[in-house]
Amino acid sequence: MTHALDLDPVLPGIRAIEQEMVALRHHIHQHPELAFEEFATSDLVAQRLAEWGYAVDRGLGGTGVVGTLRRGGGSRVIGLRADMDALPIHEATGLGYASSVPGKMHACGHDGHTAILLAAAKHLAAEGGFDGTVHLIFQPAEEGLGGGRKMIEDGLFERFPCDAVFGLHNMPGFPAGKFGFKAGSFMASSDTVLISVLGKGGHGSAPHLSADPVVAAAHIVLALQTIVSRNVDPRDVAVISVGAIHAGDAPNVIPDKVEMRLSVRAFRPEVRAMLRDRITEVVQAQAATLGVRAEVDYRWRYPALVNDEASTAFARQVALDWLGEDGLLPDLQPITGSEDFSFMLEKVPGSYFIVGNGVGETHGSGGCMVHNPGYDFNDAILPIASSYWVKLAQEFLAG
């Protein structure tokens, strides 16, 4: 058993290619591509995998790539997944390898996730050490557009069946290189609600001649806040956030219409369904009370991410045997963020876990939160995370 406090836990083969993979990560970071536009990134991934001897399949989910490596005669199959897309954010890190594309950046670390899995891919191809099949899944469009669901619809698990599938995400605010596992509900569902409040516009000096959708929208915002406090069991978790309200242009004109956008999250499907029903009821009732009407466009997006108990226990044990307790994050709690790896876990048993990106306030220490112009993936965690992928695959496919 190797422990992080005494010895370098990074596999020698990974340590030997560390700088190559850091350079590759920086290249991807400099050339970010948004959801379903990961053309150059998928070209790079496919080229590297082919060079290392993988069978490469492309086109699932549009720009998705699957690399397959078989060793021995074992029948077991493991899937390892990384996401590739960037975000429509203008980078403000000032790094030498900062985004070269204005308004686009890798603000969530998918450049790092891709480099982590590629480093593991190279090591597995060179060293082997397993008996069975590895499918490496490089997924497009995780950021809100459901690239994981699209790959599944394109036949991902029919063409590349897996006994279990695993994914990881870097997490700022946790010690760099430490792993966190949570069985059961780990990340929340995420749904979007578009509300149109339709009234009758008029002049601000004569509000009695209009049906004011702005006042109605204000009442709706306040009424929505009662749903979680009065309809959700206090032992459950639910979130309703009004993120955008758009109405009018002039201070003395009452507009005809107000548009609202909501983000809704929950861990249990029953709560998720109830939130949809109550939001629709509350919005329409408030509108009717104030003499306007409302249209609710409720968009189901990502289901809650539920980790399989056995797969999570196995993944945690691999890290524990390798790193000891000091390499793990204790008492990891569920996260109200969402992830479209949840679609994969609805089809195949598996587990999604986190690796600490570092603590601190700036990108230099890895602590800046994701989806922030100052964020950067912490290169120091690339070799430890890559080594873990190798260890997990080898243990899962032990002969």
Protein backbone atom coordinates (compact mmCIF):
# COMPACT_ATOMS: atom_id res chain seq x y z
CA MET A 1 0.00 0.00 0.00
CA THR A 2 1.35 3.42 -1.01
CA HIS A 3 0.44 6.49 1.03
CA ALA A 4 0.65 10.09 -0.17
CA LEU A 5 2.35 11.33 2.99
CA ASP A 6 5.36 9.03 2.67
CA LEU A 7 5.94 8.49 -1.05
CA ASP A 8 5.06 10.07 -4.36
CA PRO A 9 1.81 8.27 -5.19
CA VAL A 10 1.95 9.24 -8.86
CA LEU A 11 2.70 6.31 -11.13
CA PRO A 12 6.20 6.58 -12.64
CA GLY A 13 4.83 6.28 -16.16
CA ILE A 14 2.48 9.19 -15.55
CA ARG A 15 5.19 11.27 -13.92
CA ALA A 16 7.35 10.68 -16.99
CA ILE A 17 4.75 12.26 -19.31
CA GLU A 18 3.53 14.94 -16.91
CA GLN A 19 5.01 17.92 -18.74
CA GLU A 20 3.77 16.62 -22.09
CA MET A 21 0.25 16.42 -20.73
CA VAL A 22 0.45 19.84 -19.04
CA ALA A 23 1.49 21.30 -22.40
CA LEU A 24 -1.43 19.53 -24.05
CA ARG A 25 -3.80 20.94 -21.41
CA HIS A 26 -2.46 24.45 -22.03
CA HIS A 27 -2.98 24.01 -25.77
CA ILE A 28 -6.61 22.98 -25.25
CA HIS A 29 -7.05 25.88 -22.83
CA GLN A 30 -5.76 28.34 -25.42
CA HIS A 31 -8.18 27.03 -28.05
CA PRO A 32 -11.56 26.67 -26.28
CA GLU A 33 -14.60 25.41 -28.15
CA LEU A 34 -18.21 25.65 -27.02
CA ALA A 35 -20.79 22.88 -26.84
CA PHE A 36 -21.08 20.76 -30.00
CA GLU A 37 -18.28 22.84 -31.57
CA GLU A 38 -15.37 20.81 -30.17
CA PHE A 39 -14.02 20.03 -33.64
CA ALA A 40 -10.31 20.74 -33.08
CA THR A 41 -10.41 19.24 -29.58
CA SER A 42 -11.98 16.00 -30.80
CA ASP A 43 -9.47 15.90 -33.68
CA LEU A 44 -6.62 16.17 -31.18
CA VAL A 45 -8.11 13.50 -28.90
CA ALA A 46 -8.77 11.10 -31.77
CA GLN A 47 -5.28 11.59 -33.19
CA ARG A 48 -3.56 10.91 -29.89
CA LEU A 49 -5.66 7.84 -29.14
CA ALA A 50 -4.98 6.39 -32.59
CA GLU A 51 -1.24 7.00 -32.18
CA TRP A 52 -1.31 5.02 -28.93
CA GLY A 53 -3.09 2.05 -30.46
CA TYR A 54 -6.72 2.65 -29.54
CA ALA A 55 -9.60 1.80 -31.80
CA VAL A 56 -11.21 5.21 -32.32
CA ASP A 57 -14.87 5.91 -33.05
CA ARG A 58 -16.17 9.41 -33.70
CA GLY A 59 -19.43 11.23 -34.22
CA LEU A 60 -21.46 10.17 -31.19
CA GLY A 61 -23.12 13.30 -29.92
CA GLY A 62 -21.72 15.14 -32.93
CA THR A 63 -18.16 15.71 -31.75
CA GLY A 64 -17.83 12.87 -29.23
CA VAL A 65 -14.91 10.44 -29.35
CA VAL A 66 -14.67 6.91 -27.93
CA GLY A 67 -11.32 5.15 -27.67
CA THR A 68 -11.27 1.40 -27.04
CA LEU A 69 -8.35 -0.67 -25.76
CA ARG A 70 -8.47 -4.43 -25.15
CA ARG A 71 -5.94 -6.55 -23.33
CA GLY A 72 -6.11 -10.27 -22.61
CA GLY A 73 -9.27 -12.32 -22.80
CA GLY A 74 -11.24 -10.85 -19.92
CA SER A 75 -14.91 -10.08 -20.49
CA ARG A 76 -15.17 -7.15 -18.07
CA VAL A 77 -15.58 -3.63 -19.54
CA ILE A 78 -15.06 -0.27 -17.87
CA GLY A 79 -15.98 3.18 -19.19
CA LEU A 80 -14.09 6.33 -18.19
CA ARG A 81 -15.55 9.68 -19.23
CA ALA A 82 -14.16 13.20 -19.70
CA ASP A 83 -15.97 16.32 -20.97
CA MET A 84 -14.41 18.63 -23.58
CA ASP A 85 -16.47 21.83 -23.98
CA ALA A 86 -15.69 25.36 -22.84
CA LEU A 87 -17.94 28.23 -21.68
CA PRO A 88 -19.01 31.57 -23.24
CA ILE A 89 -16.98 33.59 -20.72
CA HIS A 90 -14.20 36.10 -21.42
CA GLU A 91 -11.04 34.99 -19.62
CA ALA A 92 -9.43 37.35 -17.11
CA THR A 93 -6.56 35.27 -15.70
CA GLY A 94 -3.72 36.99 -17.56
CA LEU A 95 -1.99 33.63 -17.99
CA GLY A 96 0.53 33.07 -20.74
CA TYR A 97 -1.66 30.31 -22.11
CA ALA A 98 -4.96 32.17 -21.66
CA SER A 99 -7.74 31.73 -24.18
CA SER A 100 -6.92 33.06 -27.64
CA VAL A 101 -10.64 33.26 -28.48
CA PRO A 102 -12.44 36.34 -27.11
CA GLY A 103 -15.56 35.45 -25.16
CA LYS A 104 -14.72 31.77 -24.79
CA MET A 105 -12.70 30.03 -22.08
CA HIS A 106 -12.26 26.77 -20.22
CA ALA A 107 -13.80 28.12 -17.03
CA CYS A 108 -14.82 24.72 -15.65
CA GLY A 109 -11.66 22.66 -16.15
CA HIS A 110 -12.80 20.44 -18.99
CA ASP A 111 -9.41 21.07 -20.58
CA GLY A 112 -7.94 19.47 -17.47
CA HIS A 113 -10.40 16.57 -17.50
CA THR A 114 -9.51 15.83 -21.12
CA ALA A 115 -5.77 15.97 -20.39
CA ILE A 116 -6.19 13.73 -17.33
CA LEU A 117 -7.91 11.02 -19.34
CA LEU A 118 -5.44 11.32 -22.21
CA ALA A 119 -2.51 10.88 -19.83
CA ALA A 120 -4.17 7.76 -18.42
CA ALA A 121 -4.86 6.56 -21.97
CA LYS A 122 -1.20 6.80 -22.93
CA HIS A 123 -0.09 4.99 -19.79
CA LEU A 124 -2.65 2.20 -20.16
CA ALA A 125 -1.63 1.65 -23.78
CA ALA A 126 2.05 1.50 -22.86
CA GLU A 127 1.85 -0.49 -19.63
CA GLY A 128 -1.36 -2.51 -19.85
CA GLY A 129 -1.75 -4.22 -16.50
CA PHE A 130 -5.38 -5.23 -17.02
CA ASP A 131 -7.43 -8.04 -18.50
CA GLY A 132 -10.50 -6.80 -20.35
CA THR A 133 -11.69 -3.70 -22.21
CA VAL A 134 -11.42 0.02 -21.53
CA HIS A 135 -13.74 2.50 -23.27
CA LEU A 136 -12.57 6.10 -22.95
CA ILE A 137 -15.52 8.43 -23.53
CA PHE A 138 -14.70 12.01 -24.53
CA GLN A 139 -18.00 13.85 -24.35
CA PRO A 140 -19.10 17.14 -25.92
CA ALA A 141 -21.53 19.72 -24.60
CA GLU A 142 -21.72 19.04 -20.88
CA GLU A 143 -22.37 22.71 -20.18
CA GLY A 144 -26.14 22.84 -20.37
CA LEU A 145 -26.83 21.22 -23.73
CA GLY A 146 -26.84 17.56 -22.70
CA GLY A 147 -24.01 16.10 -24.74
CA GLY A 148 -24.09 13.00 -22.56
CA ARG A 149 -27.74 12.42 -23.42
CA LYS A 150 -26.97 12.97 -27.11
CA MET A 151 -24.21 10.34 -27.05
CA ILE A 152 -26.62 7.88 -25.42
CA GLU A 153 -29.28 8.63 -28.04
CA ASP A 154 -26.64 7.94 -30.69
CA GLY A 155 -26.14 4.45 -29.25
CA LEU A 156 -23.20 4.92 -26.88
CA PHE A 157 -23.89 1.97 -24.61
CA GLU A 158 -25.30 -0.25 -27.36
CA ARG A 159 -22.10 0.14 -29.36
CA PHE A 160 -19.77 0.31 -26.35
CA PRO A 161 -21.44 -1.63 -23.53
CA CYS A 162 -19.88 -1.12 -20.10
CA ASP A 163 -20.17 -3.02 -16.83
CA ALA A 164 -19.62 0.29 -15.06
CA VAL A 165 -18.88 3.88 -16.06
CA PHE A 166 -16.99 6.52 -14.05
CA GLY A 167 -16.50 10.27 -14.27
CA LEU A 168 -14.64 12.94 -12.32
CA HIS A 169 -14.69 16.70 -11.84
CA ASN A 170 -12.12 19.02 -10.32
CA MET A 171 -13.50 21.00 -7.38
CA PRO A 172 -12.03 24.31 -6.18
CA GLY A 173 -12.18 24.90 -2.45
CA PHE A 174 -10.94 21.40 -1.57
CA PRO A 175 -7.28 20.43 -0.99
CA ALA A 176 -5.49 19.77 -4.25
CA GLY A 177 -5.31 16.12 -5.28
CA LYS A 178 -7.65 14.70 -2.63
CA PHE A 179 -10.56 12.56 -3.82
CA GLY A 180 -14.16 12.72 -2.68
CA PHE A 181 -16.81 10.01 -3.09
CA LYS A 182 -20.52 9.99 -2.23
CA ALA A 183 -22.89 7.08 -2.84
CA GLY A 184 -26.52 7.73 -3.73
CA SER A 185 -27.80 11.19 -4.68
CA PHE A 186 -24.71 13.33 -5.19
CA MET A 187 -25.71 16.17 -7.54
CA ALA A 188 -29.06 17.85 -8.08
CA SER A 189 -31.36 17.81 -11.05
CA SER A 190 -31.41 21.05 -13.04
CA ASP A 191 -34.44 22.37 -14.90
CA THR A 192 -35.07 25.71 -16.58
CA VAL A 193 -38.37 27.58 -16.49
CA LEU A 194 -39.24 30.36 -18.93
CA ILE A 195 -42.19 32.49 -17.81
CA SER A 196 -43.97 35.13 -19.86
CA VAL A 197 -46.25 37.46 -17.89
CA LEU A 198 -48.64 39.05 -20.37
CA GLY A 199 -50.56 42.20 -19.52
CA LYS A 200 -51.69 45.44 -21.13
CA GLY A 201 -49.18 48.23 -21.44
CA GLY A 202 -49.84 51.88 -20.88
CA HIS A 203 -48.44 55.19 -19.70
CA GLY A 204 -46.87 55.28 -16.27
CA SER A 205 -49.02 58.29 -15.35
CA ALA A 206 -52.23 56.27 -15.76
CA PRO A 207 -51.60 52.77 -14.38
CA HIS A 208 -55.32 52.20 -13.82
CA LEU A 209 -55.76 51.96 -17.60
CA SER A 210 -53.25 49.12 -17.93
CA ALA A 211 -52.82 45.59 -16.63
CA ASP A 212 -49.32 45.82 -15.21
CA PRO A 213 -47.21 42.67 -15.78
CA VAL A 214 -44.30 44.15 -13.82
CA VAL A 215 -46.27 44.26 -10.56
CA ALA A 216 -47.51 40.74 -11.25
CA ALA A 217 -43.97 39.53 -11.88
CA ALA A 218 -42.86 41.02 -8.56
CA HIS A 219 -45.63 39.13 -6.76
CA ILE A 220 -44.66 35.94 -8.62
CA VAL A 221 -41.03 36.23 -7.50
CA LEU A 222 -42.06 36.52 -3.87
CA ALA A 223 -44.67 33.78 -4.10
CA LEU A 224 -42.17 31.37 -5.66
CA GLN A 225 -40.04 31.65 -2.52
CA THR A 226 -42.82 30.06 -0.46
CA ILE A 227 -42.75 26.79 -2.43
CA VAL A 228 -39.55 25.42 -0.89
CA SER A 229 -40.37 26.69 2.59
CA ARG A 230 -43.98 25.47 2.61
CA ASN A 231 -44.25 22.57 0.13
CA VAL A 232 -40.91 20.75 0.43
CA ASP A 233 -40.16 18.49 3.39
CA PRO A 234 -37.43 20.24 5.43
CA ARG A 235 -35.41 17.02 5.23
CA ASP A 236 -35.28 17.32 1.43
CA VAL A 237 -33.31 19.81 -0.65
CA ALA A 238 -34.81 22.05 -3.33
CA VAL A 239 -33.76 25.31 -4.94
CA ILE A 240 -35.80 27.82 -6.96
CA SER A 241 -33.72 30.73 -8.21
CA VAL A 242 -35.03 33.58 -10.37
CA GLY A 243 -31.98 34.43 -12.44
CA ALA A 244 -33.36 36.89 -14.98
CA ILE A 245 -36.25 39.35 -15.34
CA HIS A 246 -36.64 41.42 -18.49
CA ALA A 247 -39.29 44.09 -18.92
CA GLY A 248 -39.68 47.45 -20.59
CA ASP A 249 -37.22 50.17 -21.58
CA ALA A 250 -38.57 53.47 -20.24
CA PRO A 251 -39.39 54.56 -16.68
CA ASN A 252 -42.74 56.09 -17.69
CA VAL A 253 -44.04 53.21 -19.83
CA ILE A 254 -45.79 50.13 -18.46
CA PRO A 255 -44.79 47.27 -20.78
CA ASP A 256 -47.07 44.60 -22.23
CA LYS A 257 -44.81 41.72 -21.21
CA VAL A 258 -42.30 40.54 -18.62
CA GLU A 259 -40.01 37.59 -19.25
CA MET A 260 -38.58 35.60 -16.34
CA ARG A 261 -36.05 32.76 -16.24
CA LEU A 262 -35.73 30.32 -13.37
CA SER A 263 -33.33 27.58 -12.36
CA VAL A 264 -34.92 24.74 -10.37
CA ARG A 265 -33.02 21.96 -8.57
CA ALA A 266 -33.78 18.91 -6.44
CA PHE A 267 -32.29 15.56 -5.45
CA ARG A 268 -35.39 13.34 -5.54
CA PRO A 269 -37.60 12.81 -8.61
CA GLU A 270 -40.75 13.18 -6.51
CA VAL A 271 -39.61 16.61 -5.33
CA ARG A 272 -38.58 17.55 -8.86
CA ALA A 273 -42.07 16.74 -10.19
CA MET A 274 -43.79 18.54 -7.33
CA LEU A 275 -41.74 21.68 -7.98
CA ARG A 276 -42.87 21.69 -11.61
CA ASP A 277 -46.53 21.42 -10.58
CA ARG A 278 -46.38 24.03 -7.83
CA ILE A 279 -44.36 26.55 -9.86
CA THR A 280 -46.92 26.34 -12.67
CA GLU A 281 -49.83 26.70 -10.25
CA VAL A 282 -48.33 29.58 -8.28
CA VAL A 283 -47.31 31.55 -11.38
CA GLN A 284 -50.71 31.27 -13.04
CA ALA A 285 -52.64 31.97 -9.85
CA GLN A 286 -50.65 35.09 -9.05
CA ALA A 287 -51.05 36.34 -12.61
CA ALA A 288 -54.82 35.79 -12.54
CA THR A 289 -55.15 37.55 -9.19
CA LEU A 290 -53.53 40.67 -10.65
CA GLY A 291 -55.48 40.72 -13.89
CA VAL A 292 -52.80 39.42 -16.27
CA ARG A 293 -52.01 35.98 -17.61
CA ALA A 294 -48.86 33.88 -17.59
CA GLU A 295 -47.36 31.26 -19.89
CA VAL A 296 -45.00 28.72 -18.33
CA ASP A 297 -42.46 26.89 -20.49
CA TYR A 298 -41.03 24.23 -18.17
CA ARG A 299 -37.91 22.62 -19.62
CA TRP A 300 -36.67 19.35 -18.13
CA ARG A 301 -32.91 19.34 -18.40
CA TYR A 302 -30.57 17.20 -16.27
CA PRO A 303 -31.85 14.57 -13.82
CA ALA A 304 -30.27 14.19 -10.40
CA LEU A 305 -26.95 12.37 -10.45
CA VAL A 306 -27.26 9.17 -8.42
CA ASN A 307 -24.12 7.16 -7.77
CA ASP A 308 -24.42 3.38 -7.62
CA GLU A 309 -23.63 2.13 -4.12
CA ALA A 310 -21.38 -0.77 -5.12
CA SER A 311 -19.50 1.17 -7.82
CA THR A 312 -18.89 4.07 -5.46
CA ALA A 313 -17.65 1.76 -2.70
CA PHE A 314 -15.28 0.13 -5.17
CA ALA A 315 -13.97 3.45 -6.49
CA ARG A 316 -13.44 4.76 -2.97
CA GLN A 317 -11.65 1.57 -1.91
CA VAL A 318 -9.22 1.86 -4.83
CA ALA A 319 -8.30 5.38 -3.67
CA LEU A 320 -8.15 4.32 -0.01
CA ASP A 321 -5.85 1.34 -0.67
CA TRP A 322 -3.59 3.53 -2.77
CA LEU A 323 -3.52 6.83 -0.86
CA GLY A 324 -4.79 6.03 2.61
CA GLU A 325 -7.34 8.11 4.52
CA ASP A 326 -5.26 11.26 4.07
CA GLY A 327 -5.85 11.11 0.32
CA LEU A 328 -9.65 11.22 0.70
CA LEU A 329 -12.09 14.01 1.50
CA PRO A 330 -14.08 12.99 4.58
CA ASP A 331 -17.85 13.34 4.86
CA LEU A 332 -18.43 14.67 1.35
CA GLN A 333 -21.90 16.22 1.13
CA PRO A 334 -24.25 16.33 -1.89
CA ILE A 335 -23.76 19.22 -4.32
CA THR A 336 -26.65 21.29 -5.67
CA GLY A 337 -24.84 21.79 -8.97
CA SER A 338 -25.79 19.45 -11.79
CA GLU A 339 -24.02 17.23 -14.32
CA ASP A 340 -25.18 15.45 -17.45
CA PHE A 341 -23.15 12.39 -16.47
CA SER A 342 -26.44 11.69 -14.70
CA PHE A 343 -27.84 10.46 -18.03
CA MET A 344 -25.07 7.86 -18.26
CA LEU A 345 -25.69 6.70 -14.70
CA GLU A 346 -29.36 6.17 -15.56
CA LYS A 347 -28.24 3.61 -18.15
CA VAL A 348 -25.16 1.96 -16.59
CA PRO A 349 -24.07 1.49 -12.96
CA GLY A 350 -21.18 3.71 -12.01
CA SER A 351 -19.96 6.62 -9.97
CA TYR A 352 -19.04 10.28 -10.31
CA PHE A 353 -16.49 11.72 -7.89
CA ILE A 354 -14.46 14.87 -7.31
CA VAL A 355 -10.78 15.70 -6.98
CA GLY A 356 -9.76 18.84 -5.10
CA ASN A 357 -8.45 21.65 -7.30
CA GLY A 358 -6.94 23.61 -4.41
CA VAL A 359 -7.91 26.31 -1.96
CA GLY A 360 -7.35 30.06 -2.11
CA GLU A 361 -8.70 33.08 -3.92
CA THR A 362 -6.89 33.14 -7.24
CA HIS A 363 -6.37 30.89 -10.19
CA GLY A 364 -2.76 30.42 -9.16
CA SER A 365 -3.72 28.32 -6.15
CA GLY A 366 -6.59 26.51 -7.82
CA GLY A 367 -9.21 27.86 -5.46
CA CYS A 368 -11.10 30.23 -7.75
CA MET A 369 -14.59 28.80 -8.31
CA VAL A 370 -15.56 27.39 -11.69
CA HIS A 371 -17.60 29.46 -14.19
CA ASN A 372 -15.53 32.47 -13.18
CA PRO A 373 -13.33 34.59 -15.53
CA GLY A 374 -10.42 34.12 -13.09
CA TYR A 375 -10.60 30.31 -12.86
CA ASP A 376 -7.90 27.95 -14.08
CA PHE A 377 -7.50 24.20 -13.73
CA ASN A 378 -4.67 23.32 -11.35
CA ASP A 379 -1.93 21.50 -13.30
CA ALA A 380 -0.56 20.02 -10.06
CA ILE A 381 -3.52 17.62 -9.82
CA LEU A 382 -3.20 16.27 -13.36
CA PRO A 383 -0.72 13.47 -12.56
CA ILE A 384 -2.50 12.26 -9.40
CA ALA A 385 -5.88 12.19 -11.14
CA SER A 386 -4.42 10.44 -14.20
CA SER A 387 -2.79 7.87 -11.96
CA TYR A 388 -6.13 7.24 -10.29
CA TRP A 389 -7.81 6.52 -13.63
CA VAL A 390 -5.08 3.96 -14.35
CA LYS A 391 -5.41 2.36 -10.90
CA LEU A 392 -9.21 2.23 -11.18
CA ALA A 393 -9.14 0.59 -14.62
CA GLN A 394 -6.49 -1.91 -13.60
CA GLU A 395 -8.30 -2.87 -10.40
CA PHE A 396 -11.67 -3.14 -12.12
CA LEU A 397 -10.17 -5.31 -14.87
CA ALA A 398 -7.85 -7.34 -12.69
CA GLY A 399 -7.27 -10.76 -14.24
